[in-house]
Amino acid sequence: MPGELWWKAGTVYQIYPRSFQDANGDGVGDLKGITARLDYLAWLGVDALWLSPVCRSPMADYGYDVSDYCDIDPLFGTLADFDALVAEAHRRRLRVIMDFVPNHTSIAHPWFRESRASRDNARRDWYIWRDPKPDGAPPNNWVSNFGGPAWTLDPATGQSYYHAFLKEQPDLNWRNPEVRRAMLDVLRFWLDRGVDGFRVDVIWHLIKDAALRDNPPNPDYVPGDAEINSLTPLYSADQPEVMEVVAEMRAVLDGYDERVLIGEIYLPLERLMAYYGVDLSGAHLPFNFQLIQARWHAETIAALVAEYEAALPEGGWPNWVLGNHDQPRIAARVGAAQARVAAVLLLTLRGTPTLYYGDEIGLARVPIPPGRARDPWERNEPGRGRDPARTPMQWDRTPRAGFSSAEPWLPLDPGAATCNVEVLRDDPGSILTLYRRLLALRREHAALSLGLYRAVFVARDVLVYERAHGDEVLHILLNFGHAPCTVPLPPDHAWRVLLSSSGSRIAERPADGHLALAGDEALVLLREPLSPENV
């Protein structure tokens, strides 16, 4: 919308680069492949693309173990390829958001190689080193997010280094001002190349307890759950000083025009809100993952939306996410029919929505055969792998779905011959068409992109809410159940259907102040004044 910040009125589309488009025939997606598909993103109607990590990396955790923050990994291309991607995206009025992984580096990063060289190395304090306990046990009881101890002993120096994730991903010491300066310079490097913002990986992890105290046991832990949940992360993350770091990052971005800072934060709502910062000096958008974690039920969703809206600091802008590279896809969680309802919910709530590539064609959980798993978490804790949500994008009917001329790095969905862009884009009833129509509605109606939110009605399986901007009022009706029902409408106005999740009913005008809602259906209605023609 004219005059509004692009990241408020717009939508973000997350790309997992390994899985979007392979341009060089090695079975892995790359930057030239993404550039070749920019017209698709423009056609779809999104406003920004967020790239999961593309910096140089040994790929122990597929790019989240960075060995050079200021270069592109050869698997994805070159800096020139990245610059061309940014230029071509901007030519299409698409913004580019980069993944920034500041909590940890790779063990192959020159900083860590220097740090582990000796106890008195100038960069020793760039990472978190401690002596083992007298009995040889790790310095404390912290657990890796991928299972197992979070400390690895370095025999050469006799100390252990901390890693919140893999042992190949040592955590930086963000209490060290030299680390902060170096990492803020990384932000400037990419901002100067034209990126429009950053999604900051595990931003709440950056500062640890200064005394590295043991985390207390989690009283709600259930045996068989992920090992990381056995402890309450009281001291290993979300420390008060982290707000200083977030504010410093934000200050760097504020030195450039209209850049956005997005923080990955898995925390309870009251803690999440703290990351907006004092006087909104923190992250523009602390990621809101409530829709990923909530029970899929009308009253549950209504309550969490109300709680989230009430908790926002004055002037804080909301955001919503249905899925990402770490979580099961929405169609896998709620089924194909409700995935359409979820699309309407995501793109009609107040705030900035983030779409995950492939959700718009209805990709669900793709089976990963034995021997094809790539995720290190799956190897450490079988059954928790994220590969099923990271499989290649499916573009057409060809044997490899238009993704690559070679065998893809992860398998395709068995239904790729029908679940692909080519088949779905001209089908008026497809989920892809639904996403495109929803994105078009957000551009056409300020009530959806910038308007106020007001809960109207919730009962059993049905949720109704209002979006309003000026004189424009829209009602969104969502049936979270499989059975049809009837929904009352305010009788003092007429209503016209702008969109249905089924692809039908466009321009229908409900009569008698009631509307029949099919099972698994969502509708967007426009309020109109009463007149003889629409009574």
Protein backbone atom coordinates (compact mmCIF):
# COMPACT_ATOMS: atom_id res chain seq x y z
CA MET A 1 0.00 0.00 0.00
CA PRO A 2 1.35 3.47 -0.86
CA GLY A 3 2.95 5.20 2.11
CA GLU A 4 3.17 2.06 4.22
CA LEU A 5 6.30 0.11 5.06
CA TRP A 6 6.55 -2.83 2.67
CA TRP A 7 7.05 -5.37 5.45
CA LYS A 8 3.79 -4.34 7.11
CA ALA A 9 1.53 -4.44 4.07
CA GLY A 10 3.38 -7.24 2.29
CA THR A 11 3.83 -10.99 2.53
CA VAL A 12 7.03 -13.02 2.94
CA TYR A 13 7.77 -16.30 1.12
CA GLN A 14 10.40 -18.58 2.64
CA ILE A 15 12.65 -20.48 0.24
CA TYR A 16 14.80 -23.42 1.33
CA PRO A 17 17.49 -22.91 -1.36
CA ARG A 18 18.57 -26.56 -1.58
CA SER A 19 15.01 -27.46 -2.59
CA PHE A 20 13.63 -24.68 -4.77
CA GLN A 21 15.27 -25.02 -8.20
CA ASP A 22 18.47 -26.68 -9.41
CA ALA A 23 20.03 -24.78 -12.32
CA ASN A 24 23.32 -26.71 -12.72
CA GLY A 25 22.12 -30.31 -12.63
CA ASP A 26 23.71 -31.52 -9.39
CA GLY A 27 20.42 -32.36 -7.68
CA VAL A 28 20.63 -29.43 -5.24
CA GLY A 29 18.89 -26.09 -5.62
CA ASP A 30 20.96 -22.95 -6.12
CA LEU A 31 20.83 -19.17 -6.54
CA LYS A 32 20.58 -19.23 -10.34
CA GLY A 33 17.65 -21.60 -9.95
CA ILE A 34 15.89 -19.20 -7.60
CA THR A 35 16.53 -16.33 -10.01
CA ALA A 36 14.97 -18.37 -12.80
CA ARG A 37 11.80 -18.77 -10.73
CA LEU A 38 11.34 -15.14 -9.68
CA ASP A 39 8.58 -14.66 -12.25
CA TYR A 40 6.62 -17.36 -10.46
CA LEU A 41 6.89 -15.46 -7.15
CA ALA A 42 5.77 -12.26 -8.87
CA TRP A 43 2.86 -14.14 -10.46
CA LEU A 44 1.91 -15.69 -7.13
CA GLY A 45 1.75 -12.22 -5.57
CA VAL A 46 4.21 -12.28 -2.67
CA ASP A 47 6.27 -9.24 -1.76
CA ALA A 48 9.51 -10.66 -0.36
CA LEU A 49 11.55 -13.84 -0.48
CA TRP A 50 13.44 -15.07 2.56
CA LEU A 51 16.40 -17.30 1.77
CA SER A 52 17.45 -19.93 4.28
CA PRO A 53 21.28 -19.91 4.69
CA VAL A 54 23.44 -19.67 1.57
CA CYS A 55 26.75 -18.61 3.13
CA ARG A 56 29.86 -20.77 2.86
CA SER A 57 29.48 -23.87 5.03
CA PRO A 58 30.67 -27.47 5.43
CA MET A 59 26.93 -28.32 5.59
CA ALA A 60 26.99 -30.32 8.82
CA ASP A 61 23.60 -28.67 9.47
CA TYR A 62 22.90 -27.65 5.89
CA GLY A 63 24.08 -24.06 6.05
CA TYR A 64 23.44 -23.34 9.71
CA ASP A 65 27.14 -24.00 10.37
CA VAL A 66 28.78 -21.01 8.70
CA SER A 67 32.48 -20.99 7.84
CA ASP A 68 32.45 -17.59 6.07
CA TYR A 69 29.71 -15.06 6.70
CA CYS A 70 30.72 -12.87 3.76
CA ASP A 71 30.74 -15.40 0.94
CA ILE A 72 28.31 -17.70 -0.83
CA ASP A 73 28.81 -21.45 -0.62
CA PRO A 74 29.89 -22.86 -4.02
CA LEU A 75 27.01 -25.35 -3.81
CA PHE A 76 24.65 -22.39 -4.30
CA GLY A 77 26.81 -20.25 -6.58
CA THR A 78 28.89 -17.12 -6.17
CA LEU A 79 28.60 -13.61 -4.80
CA ALA A 80 27.97 -12.50 -8.37
CA ASP A 81 25.03 -14.93 -8.55
CA PHE A 82 23.69 -13.51 -5.29
CA ASP A 83 24.02 -9.93 -6.57
CA ALA A 84 22.19 -10.93 -9.77
CA LEU A 85 19.40 -12.52 -7.71
CA VAL A 86 18.95 -9.35 -5.64
CA ALA A 87 18.97 -7.16 -8.76
CA GLU A 88 16.44 -9.34 -10.59
CA ALA A 89 14.21 -9.55 -7.53
CA HIS A 90 14.26 -5.79 -7.12
CA ARG A 91 13.47 -5.37 -10.82
CA ARG A 92 10.28 -7.32 -10.13
CA ARG A 93 9.60 -5.27 -6.98
CA LEU A 94 10.40 -8.27 -4.79
CA ARG A 95 12.40 -7.76 -1.58
CA VAL A 96 15.16 -10.14 -0.46
CA ILE A 97 15.54 -11.22 3.17
CA MET A 98 18.66 -13.13 4.14
CA ASP A 99 19.11 -15.69 6.90
CA PHE A 100 21.65 -14.55 9.51
CA VAL A 101 23.07 -17.25 11.82
CA PRO A 102 24.87 -15.36 14.60
CA ASN A 103 24.62 -17.76 17.55
CA HIS A 104 27.22 -20.22 16.33
CA THR A 105 29.72 -20.79 13.54
CA SER A 106 31.18 -23.88 11.96
CA ILE A 107 34.22 -25.56 13.55
CA ALA A 108 35.80 -24.79 10.16
CA HIS A 109 35.41 -21.03 10.61
CA PRO A 110 38.83 -19.32 10.90
CA TRP A 111 37.69 -17.68 14.14
CA PHE A 112 37.11 -21.04 15.79
CA ARG A 113 40.32 -22.51 14.43
CA GLU A 114 42.19 -19.67 16.07
CA SER A 115 40.14 -19.95 19.24
CA ARG A 116 40.91 -23.62 19.75
CA ALA A 117 44.62 -23.23 18.88
CA SER A 118 45.57 -22.40 22.48
CA ARG A 119 44.16 -21.07 25.73
CA ASP A 120 45.93 -17.76 25.27
CA ASN A 121 44.92 -17.16 21.64
CA ALA A 122 43.52 -13.68 21.00
CA ARG A 123 40.23 -15.24 19.86
CA ARG A 124 39.92 -17.77 22.67
CA ASP A 125 37.17 -15.70 24.31
CA TRP A 126 35.24 -15.45 21.03
CA TYR A 127 33.71 -18.79 21.97
CA ILE A 128 32.58 -20.33 25.26
CA TRP A 129 35.32 -22.49 26.77
CA ARG A 130 35.31 -23.99 30.26
CA ASP A 131 37.24 -26.60 32.23
CA PRO A 132 35.49 -29.93 32.78
CA LYS A 133 34.41 -30.75 36.31
CA PRO A 134 37.03 -32.50 38.51
CA ASP A 135 35.50 -35.87 37.67
CA GLY A 136 35.77 -35.14 33.95
CA ALA A 137 32.08 -34.39 33.50
CA PRO A 138 30.95 -31.49 31.27
CA PRO A 139 31.05 -27.99 32.81
CA ASN A 140 27.28 -28.04 33.39
CA ASN A 141 24.18 -30.08 32.56
CA TRP A 142 23.11 -28.25 29.42
CA VAL A 143 21.77 -30.44 26.61
CA SER A 144 22.17 -29.97 22.86
CA ASN A 145 19.01 -29.11 20.94
CA PHE A 146 19.80 -32.10 18.74
CA GLY A 147 20.27 -34.49 21.67
CA GLY A 148 23.29 -35.40 23.77
CA PRO A 149 25.60 -33.15 25.80
CA ALA A 150 26.08 -29.53 24.76
CA TRP A 151 29.81 -29.61 25.57
CA THR A 152 32.65 -31.19 23.60
CA LEU A 153 36.11 -31.66 25.07
CA ASP A 154 39.07 -30.40 23.05
CA PRO A 155 41.94 -32.69 24.10
CA ALA A 156 44.64 -30.32 22.87
CA THR A 157 43.75 -27.57 25.33
CA GLY A 158 41.93 -29.63 27.96
CA GLN A 159 38.81 -27.47 27.88
CA SER A 160 35.31 -28.02 26.53
CA TYR A 161 33.46 -25.70 24.18
CA TYR A 162 29.70 -25.11 24.29
CA HIS A 163 27.43 -25.85 21.34
CA ALA A 164 23.68 -25.46 21.60
CA PHE A 165 23.33 -27.63 18.50
CA LEU A 166 25.83 -29.98 16.82
CA LYS A 167 29.43 -30.29 18.05
CA GLU A 168 30.32 -28.88 14.62
CA GLN A 169 28.47 -25.66 15.59
CA PRO A 170 30.33 -23.97 18.48
CA ASP A 171 28.48 -21.04 20.06
CA LEU A 172 29.98 -17.58 19.81
CA ASN A 173 30.47 -15.56 22.98
CA TRP A 174 28.22 -12.57 22.44
CA ARG A 175 29.38 -11.08 25.74
CA ASN A 176 32.65 -10.30 23.95
CA PRO A 177 32.44 -6.82 22.34
CA GLU A 178 34.81 -7.87 19.55
CA VAL A 179 32.39 -10.61 18.53
CA ARG A 180 29.54 -8.11 18.46
CA ARG A 181 31.49 -5.68 16.28
CA ALA A 182 32.52 -8.41 13.85
CA MET A 183 28.99 -9.74 13.50
CA LEU A 184 27.42 -6.31 13.08
CA ASP A 185 29.91 -5.74 10.28
CA VAL A 186 28.52 -8.87 8.64
CA LEU A 187 25.09 -7.25 8.60
CA ARG A 188 26.54 -4.16 6.97
CA PHE A 189 28.30 -6.28 4.34
CA TRP A 190 25.01 -7.72 3.11
CA LEU A 191 23.00 -4.53 3.56
CA ASP A 192 25.50 -2.78 1.34
CA ARG A 193 24.86 -5.48 -1.28
CA GLY A 194 21.17 -4.55 -1.26
CA VAL A 195 19.44 -7.08 0.98
CA ASP A 196 16.20 -5.80 2.46
CA GLY A 197 16.45 -7.42 5.86
CA PHE A 198 17.39 -10.44 7.92
CA ARG A 199 15.72 -13.34 9.63
CA VAL A 200 17.97 -13.94 12.64
CA ASP A 201 18.37 -17.59 13.60
CA VAL A 202 17.73 -18.56 17.27
CA ILE A 203 18.08 -14.93 18.35
CA TRP A 204 16.99 -15.75 21.92
CA HIS A 205 20.03 -18.01 22.36
CA LEU A 206 22.69 -15.34 21.84
CA ILE A 207 23.43 -14.55 25.50
CA LYS A 208 23.93 -17.25 28.13
CA ASP A 209 24.03 -17.00 31.89
CA ALA A 210 27.38 -15.46 32.88
CA ALA A 211 27.94 -18.13 35.54
CA LEU A 212 26.76 -20.98 33.25
CA ARG A 213 24.56 -22.39 35.99
CA ASP A 214 22.83 -25.76 35.57
CA ASN A 215 19.38 -25.69 34.01
CA PRO A 216 16.65 -27.04 36.31
CA PRO A 217 14.75 -30.21 35.40
CA ASN A 218 11.55 -29.71 33.43
CA PRO A 219 8.69 -31.02 35.62
CA ASP A 220 6.51 -31.50 32.53
CA TYR A 221 9.01 -33.65 30.66
CA VAL A 222 7.61 -36.90 29.31
CA PRO A 223 10.07 -39.75 28.70
CA GLY A 224 10.42 -40.31 24.99
CA ASP A 225 10.11 -36.63 24.17
CA ALA A 226 13.11 -34.81 22.68
CA GLU A 227 16.01 -34.77 25.15
CA ILE A 228 16.28 -30.98 24.96
CA ASN A 229 12.88 -30.80 26.72
CA SER A 230 14.17 -32.67 29.78
CA LEU A 231 15.50 -29.38 31.20
CA THR A 232 14.00 -25.91 31.50
CA PRO A 233 16.37 -23.57 29.60
CA LEU A 234 16.48 -21.00 32.39
CA TYR A 235 20.18 -20.19 31.99
CA SER A 236 21.12 -21.33 28.48
CA ALA A 237 18.92 -18.84 26.60
CA ASP A 238 16.69 -15.74 26.83
CA GLN A 239 18.94 -13.83 29.21
CA PRO A 240 18.12 -10.15 29.91
CA GLU A 241 21.29 -8.90 28.19
CA VAL A 242 20.16 -10.33 24.86
CA MET A 243 17.92 -7.28 24.42
CA GLU A 244 21.04 -5.12 24.13
CA VAL A 245 22.25 -7.29 21.25
CA VAL A 246 18.92 -7.15 19.44
CA ALA A 247 18.84 -3.37 19.81
CA GLU A 248 22.37 -3.14 18.36
CA MET A 249 21.31 -5.18 15.33
CA ARG A 250 18.23 -3.02 14.90
CA ALA A 251 20.35 0.15 15.08
CA VAL A 252 22.48 -1.13 12.18
CA LEU A 253 19.39 -1.73 10.04
CA ASP A 254 17.97 1.66 10.95
CA GLY A 255 20.97 3.18 9.20
CA TYR A 256 19.47 1.96 5.90
CA ASP A 257 16.09 2.65 4.31
CA GLU A 258 13.13 0.36 5.03
CA ARG A 259 15.02 -2.74 6.19
CA VAL A 260 13.35 -5.36 8.38
CA LEU A 261 14.70 -7.37 11.32
CA ILE A 262 12.90 -10.66 11.99
CA GLY A 263 13.81 -12.80 14.99
CA GLU A 264 13.34 -16.55 15.31
CA ILE A 265 12.03 -16.99 18.85
CA TYR A 266 10.36 -20.05 20.36
CA LEU A 267 9.27 -18.65 23.72
CA PRO A 268 6.04 -18.15 25.69
CA LEU A 269 4.01 -15.16 24.58
CA GLU A 270 5.03 -12.80 27.38
CA ARG A 271 8.72 -13.39 26.63
CA LEU A 272 8.21 -13.15 22.88
CA MET A 273 6.82 -9.64 23.26
CA ALA A 274 10.00 -8.47 25.02
CA TYR A 275 11.88 -8.86 21.72
CA TYR A 276 10.04 -5.89 20.22
CA GLY A 277 12.36 -3.96 22.53
CA VAL A 278 11.97 -0.88 24.67
CA ASP A 279 10.05 1.70 22.63
CA LEU A 280 10.07 -0.78 19.72
CA SER A 281 13.86 -0.65 19.44
CA GLY A 282 14.20 -4.41 18.98
CA ALA A 283 13.09 -6.76 16.22
CA HIS A 284 10.44 -5.41 13.88
CA LEU A 285 8.89 -8.88 13.75
CA PRO A 286 9.63 -11.39 16.52
CA PHE A 287 8.35 -14.51 14.76
CA ASN A 288 4.98 -15.66 16.09
CA PHE A 289 4.78 -19.47 15.84
CA GLN A 290 1.48 -19.94 17.68
CA LEU A 291 -0.36 -21.32 14.64
CA ILE A 292 2.31 -23.99 14.26
CA GLN A 293 2.04 -25.13 17.85
CA ALA A 294 -1.70 -24.75 18.57
CA ARG A 295 -4.46 -27.34 18.58
CA TRP A 296 -6.40 -26.90 15.34
CA HIS A 297 -9.78 -25.92 16.75
CA ALA A 298 -11.89 -22.77 16.32
CA GLU A 299 -12.09 -21.80 19.99
CA THR A 300 -8.39 -22.49 20.53
CA ILE A 301 -7.37 -20.36 17.55
CA ALA A 302 -9.75 -17.56 18.55
CA ALA A 303 -8.29 -17.48 22.06
CA LEU A 304 -4.67 -17.40 20.93
CA VAL A 305 -5.36 -14.62 18.42
CA ALA A 306 -7.07 -12.58 21.14
CA GLU A 307 -4.23 -13.22 23.59
CA TYR A 308 -1.59 -12.29 21.01
CA GLU A 309 -3.37 -9.09 19.93
CA ALA A 310 -3.79 -8.03 23.58
CA ALA A 311 -0.14 -8.70 24.40
CA LEU A 312 1.37 -6.64 21.57
CA PRO A 313 3.18 -3.50 22.73
CA GLU A 314 1.71 -0.23 21.55
CA GLY A 315 2.71 0.19 17.92
CA GLY A 316 4.06 -3.37 17.65
CA TRP A 317 3.19 -5.02 14.35
CA PRO A 318 1.89 -8.61 14.44
CA ASN A 319 2.97 -11.50 12.25
CA TRP A 320 1.83 -15.06 11.60
CA VAL A 321 3.49 -18.26 10.38
CA LEU A 322 1.98 -21.62 9.41
CA GLY A 323 5.17 -23.55 8.71
CA ASN A 324 8.91 -23.45 8.09
CA HIS A 325 11.93 -25.65 7.44
CA ASP A 326 11.96 -26.95 11.04
CA GLN A 327 8.29 -27.93 11.39
CA PRO A 328 5.91 -30.44 9.78
CA ARG A 329 3.99 -28.87 6.92
CA ILE A 330 0.51 -27.52 7.57
CA ALA A 331 -1.14 -30.07 5.25
CA ALA A 332 0.59 -32.84 7.21
CA ARG A 333 -0.73 -31.45 10.49
CA VAL A 334 -4.35 -30.69 9.59
CA GLY A 335 -5.03 -32.52 6.32
CA ALA A 336 -5.61 -31.32 2.77
CA ALA A 337 -9.09 -29.88 3.33
CA GLN A 338 -8.17 -27.88 6.43
CA ALA A 339 -4.94 -26.70 4.77
CA ARG A 340 -7.20 -24.49 2.64
CA VAL A 341 -8.87 -23.08 5.74
CA ALA A 342 -5.41 -22.48 7.19
CA ALA A 343 -4.39 -20.53 4.08
CA VAL A 344 -7.38 -18.22 4.50
CA LEU A 345 -6.58 -17.78 8.20
CA LEU A 346 -2.91 -16.97 7.58
CA LEU A 347 -3.61 -14.42 4.87
CA THR A 348 -6.52 -12.63 6.53
CA LEU A 349 -5.30 -12.18 10.11
CA ARG A 350 -3.87 -8.78 11.04
CA GLY A 351 -0.13 -8.62 10.49
CA THR A 352 2.62 -9.82 8.19
CA PRO A 353 2.20 -13.43 7.01
CA THR A 354 5.10 -15.71 6.10
CA LEU A 355 4.40 -18.51 3.61
CA TYR A 356 6.60 -21.60 3.34
CA TYR A 357 7.48 -22.75 -0.17
CA GLY A 358 5.38 -25.69 -1.33
CA ASP A 359 2.49 -25.05 1.04
CA GLU A 360 0.77 -23.23 -1.81
CA ILE A 361 0.64 -26.46 -3.85
CA GLY A 362 -0.52 -28.54 -0.89
CA LEU A 363 2.70 -30.41 -0.16
CA ALA A 364 2.32 -32.50 2.98
CA ARG A 365 4.69 -34.93 4.69
CA VAL A 366 6.89 -36.48 2.01
CA PRO A 367 8.07 -40.01 2.94
CA ILE A 368 11.83 -40.35 3.31
CA PRO A 369 12.96 -43.93 2.56
CA PRO A 370 15.57 -45.62 4.76
CA GLY A 371 19.01 -44.44 3.77
CA ARG A 372 17.81 -41.15 2.27
CA ALA A 373 17.62 -39.15 5.53
CA ARG A 374 19.92 -36.13 5.56
CA ASP A 375 18.95 -34.19 8.69
CA PRO A 376 21.53 -34.61 11.50
CA TRP A 377 18.75 -34.43 14.11
CA GLU A 378 17.22 -37.55 12.57
CA ARG A 379 20.52 -39.36 12.98
CA ASN A 380 20.81 -38.29 16.63
CA GLU A 381 17.16 -38.80 17.59
CA PRO A 382 15.34 -40.98 15.02
CA GLY A 383 11.82 -39.88 14.25
CA ARG A 384 12.46 -36.16 14.79
CA GLY A 385 14.02 -35.37 11.43
CA ARG A 386 12.95 -32.34 9.41
CA ASP A 387 13.61 -33.79 5.94
CA PRO A 388 9.89 -34.45 5.17
CA ALA A 389 9.29 -30.68 5.19
CA ARG A 390 12.38 -29.82 3.10
CA THR A 391 11.81 -31.82 -0.07
CA PRO A 392 12.12 -30.27 -3.56
CA MET A 393 9.55 -27.90 -4.97
CA GLN A 394 7.41 -29.56 -7.62
CA TRP A 395 7.03 -27.53 -10.79
CA ASP A 396 5.69 -29.81 -13.53
CA ARG A 397 4.79 -33.34 -14.66
CA THR A 398 8.29 -34.38 -15.72
CA PRO A 399 9.97 -37.29 -13.88
CA ARG A 400 11.88 -34.97 -11.52
CA ALA A 401 9.04 -32.44 -11.31
CA GLY A 402 11.03 -29.72 -13.08
CA PHE A 403 13.28 -29.30 -10.08
CA SER A 404 16.44 -30.83 -11.52
CA SER A 405 17.87 -32.83 -14.41
CA ALA A 406 19.56 -35.09 -11.82
CA GLU A 407 18.34 -37.17 -8.90
CA PRO A 408 17.20 -34.64 -6.24
CA TRP A 409 19.03 -34.52 -2.92
CA LEU A 410 15.77 -35.50 -1.17
CA PRO A 411 12.94 -37.53 -2.71
CA LEU A 412 9.90 -35.99 -4.34
CA ASP A 413 6.36 -36.54 -3.16
CA PRO A 414 4.89 -39.73 -4.67
CA GLY A 415 2.02 -37.60 -6.01
CA ALA A 416 4.29 -35.08 -7.75
CA ALA A 417 2.70 -35.79 -11.16
CA THR A 418 -0.47 -34.02 -9.99
CA CYS A 419 0.82 -31.96 -7.05
CA ASN A 420 2.81 -29.37 -9.00
CA VAL A 421 2.60 -25.79 -10.20
CA GLU A 422 1.96 -26.68 -13.86
CA VAL A 423 -1.11 -28.77 -13.06
CA LEU A 424 -2.53 -26.51 -10.36
CA ARG A 425 -1.98 -23.01 -11.73
CA ASP A 426 -4.85 -23.15 -14.26
CA ASP A 427 -7.25 -25.09 -12.04
CA PRO A 428 -9.78 -22.61 -10.57
CA GLY A 429 -10.44 -24.96 -7.65
CA SER A 430 -6.82 -25.70 -6.72
CA ILE A 431 -5.08 -24.70 -3.51
CA LEU A 432 -2.53 -22.78 -5.60
CA THR A 433 -5.32 -20.69 -7.11
CA LEU A 434 -6.67 -20.11 -3.62
CA TYR A 435 -3.31 -18.78 -2.41
CA ARG A 436 -2.99 -16.52 -5.44
CA ARG A 437 -6.50 -15.12 -4.98
CA LEU A 438 -5.86 -14.51 -1.29
CA LEU A 439 -2.64 -12.66 -2.04
CA ALA A 440 -4.45 -10.58 -4.67
CA LEU A 441 -7.20 -9.74 -2.15
CA ARG A 442 -4.58 -8.50 0.31
CA ARG A 443 -3.32 -6.09 -2.34
CA GLU A 444 -6.79 -4.97 -3.36
CA HIS A 445 -8.28 -4.50 0.11
CA ALA A 446 -6.49 -2.40 2.72
CA ALA A 447 -8.76 -3.95 5.32
CA LEU A 448 -6.84 -7.23 4.91
CA SER A 449 -3.30 -5.88 4.72
CA LEU A 450 -3.52 -3.05 7.24
CA GLY A 451 -6.97 -3.05 8.81
CA LEU A 452 -8.09 -3.56 12.38
CA TYR A 453 -8.99 -6.98 13.73
CA ARG A 454 -12.13 -7.71 15.74
CA ALA A 455 -13.47 -11.09 16.87
CA VAL A 456 -17.13 -11.48 15.90
CA PHE A 457 -18.26 -15.02 16.65
CA VAL A 458 -16.83 -18.34 17.77
CA ALA A 459 -18.79 -21.47 18.55
CA ARG A 460 -17.89 -25.12 18.22
CA ASP A 461 -16.08 -25.41 14.88
CA VAL A 462 -16.72 -21.92 13.49
CA LEU A 463 -14.66 -18.76 13.86
CA VAL A 464 -15.76 -15.41 12.43
CA TYR A 465 -13.74 -12.21 12.62
CA GLU A 466 -13.79 -8.76 11.07
CA ARG A 467 -11.11 -6.77 9.29
CA ALA A 468 -11.83 -3.09 8.81
CA HIS A 469 -10.05 -0.11 7.28
CA GLY A 470 -11.91 3.17 6.88
CA ASP A 471 -15.35 2.37 5.46
CA GLU A 472 -14.26 -1.03 4.20
CA VAL A 473 -15.36 -3.98 6.34
CA LEU A 474 -14.72 -7.65 5.61
CA HIS A 475 -15.87 -10.71 7.53
CA ILE A 476 -13.84 -13.93 7.47
CA LEU A 477 -15.71 -17.14 8.24
CA LEU A 478 -13.74 -20.31 8.98
CA ASN A 479 -15.20 -23.77 9.49
CA PHE A 480 -12.64 -25.89 11.33
CA GLY A 481 -15.02 -28.86 11.22
CA HIS A 482 -16.00 -31.31 8.51
CA ALA A 483 -19.77 -30.83 8.86
CA PRO A 484 -21.78 -28.00 7.22
CA CYS A 485 -23.32 -25.34 9.42
CA THR A 486 -25.21 -22.05 9.30
CA VAL A 487 -23.62 -18.80 10.44
CA PRO A 488 -25.60 -15.64 11.37
CA LEU A 489 -24.61 -12.36 9.72
CA PRO A 490 -25.31 -8.80 10.92
CA PRO A 491 -28.70 -7.95 9.37
CA ASP A 492 -28.13 -4.21 8.93
CA HIS A 493 -25.91 -4.68 5.86
CA ALA A 494 -25.73 -6.79 2.75
CA TRP A 495 -22.81 -9.17 2.20
CA ARG A 496 -21.05 -10.39 -0.92
CA VAL A 497 -18.67 -13.35 -1.16
CA LEU A 498 -15.22 -12.24 -2.33
CA LEU A 499 -13.52 -15.61 -1.90
CA SER A 500 -14.26 -19.19 -0.96
CA SER A 501 -11.66 -21.80 -0.08
CA SER A 502 -13.44 -24.16 -2.47
CA GLY A 503 -13.05 -21.83 -5.45
CA SER A 504 -16.80 -21.41 -5.91
CA ARG A 505 -19.51 -19.03 -4.60
CA ILE A 506 -17.75 -15.86 -5.79
CA ALA A 507 -20.20 -12.89 -5.82
CA GLU A 508 -22.86 -14.90 -3.96
CA ARG A 509 -25.06 -12.75 -1.68
CA PRO A 510 -26.40 -14.50 1.42
CA ALA A 511 -30.07 -13.93 2.17
CA ASP A 512 -32.05 -13.68 5.41
CA GLY A 513 -29.06 -12.76 7.56
CA HIS A 514 -27.70 -16.31 7.52
CA LEU A 515 -25.08 -18.09 5.48
CA ALA A 516 -24.61 -21.80 4.87
CA LEU A 517 -20.98 -22.80 5.38
CA ALA A 518 -19.83 -26.14 4.00
CA GLY A 519 -17.58 -28.42 5.98
CA ASP A 520 -13.89 -27.45 5.72
CA GLU A 521 -14.88 -24.16 4.08
CA ALA A 522 -13.63 -20.63 4.61
CA LEU A 523 -15.19 -17.50 3.14
CA VAL A 524 -14.23 -13.85 2.85
CA LEU A 525 -17.26 -11.51 2.71
CA LEU A 526 -17.42 -7.82 1.83
CA ARG A 527 -19.97 -5.65 3.65
CA GLU A 528 -22.17 -3.56 1.38
CA PRO A 529 -24.96 -1.07 2.12
CA LEU A 530 -28.51 -2.36 1.93
CA SER A 531 -30.26 -1.53 -1.32
CA PRO A 532 -33.18 -2.98 -3.31
CA GLU A 533 -30.72 -4.83 -5.53
CA ASN A 534 -29.00 -6.75 -2.72
CA VAL A 535 -31.79 -7.20 -0.15
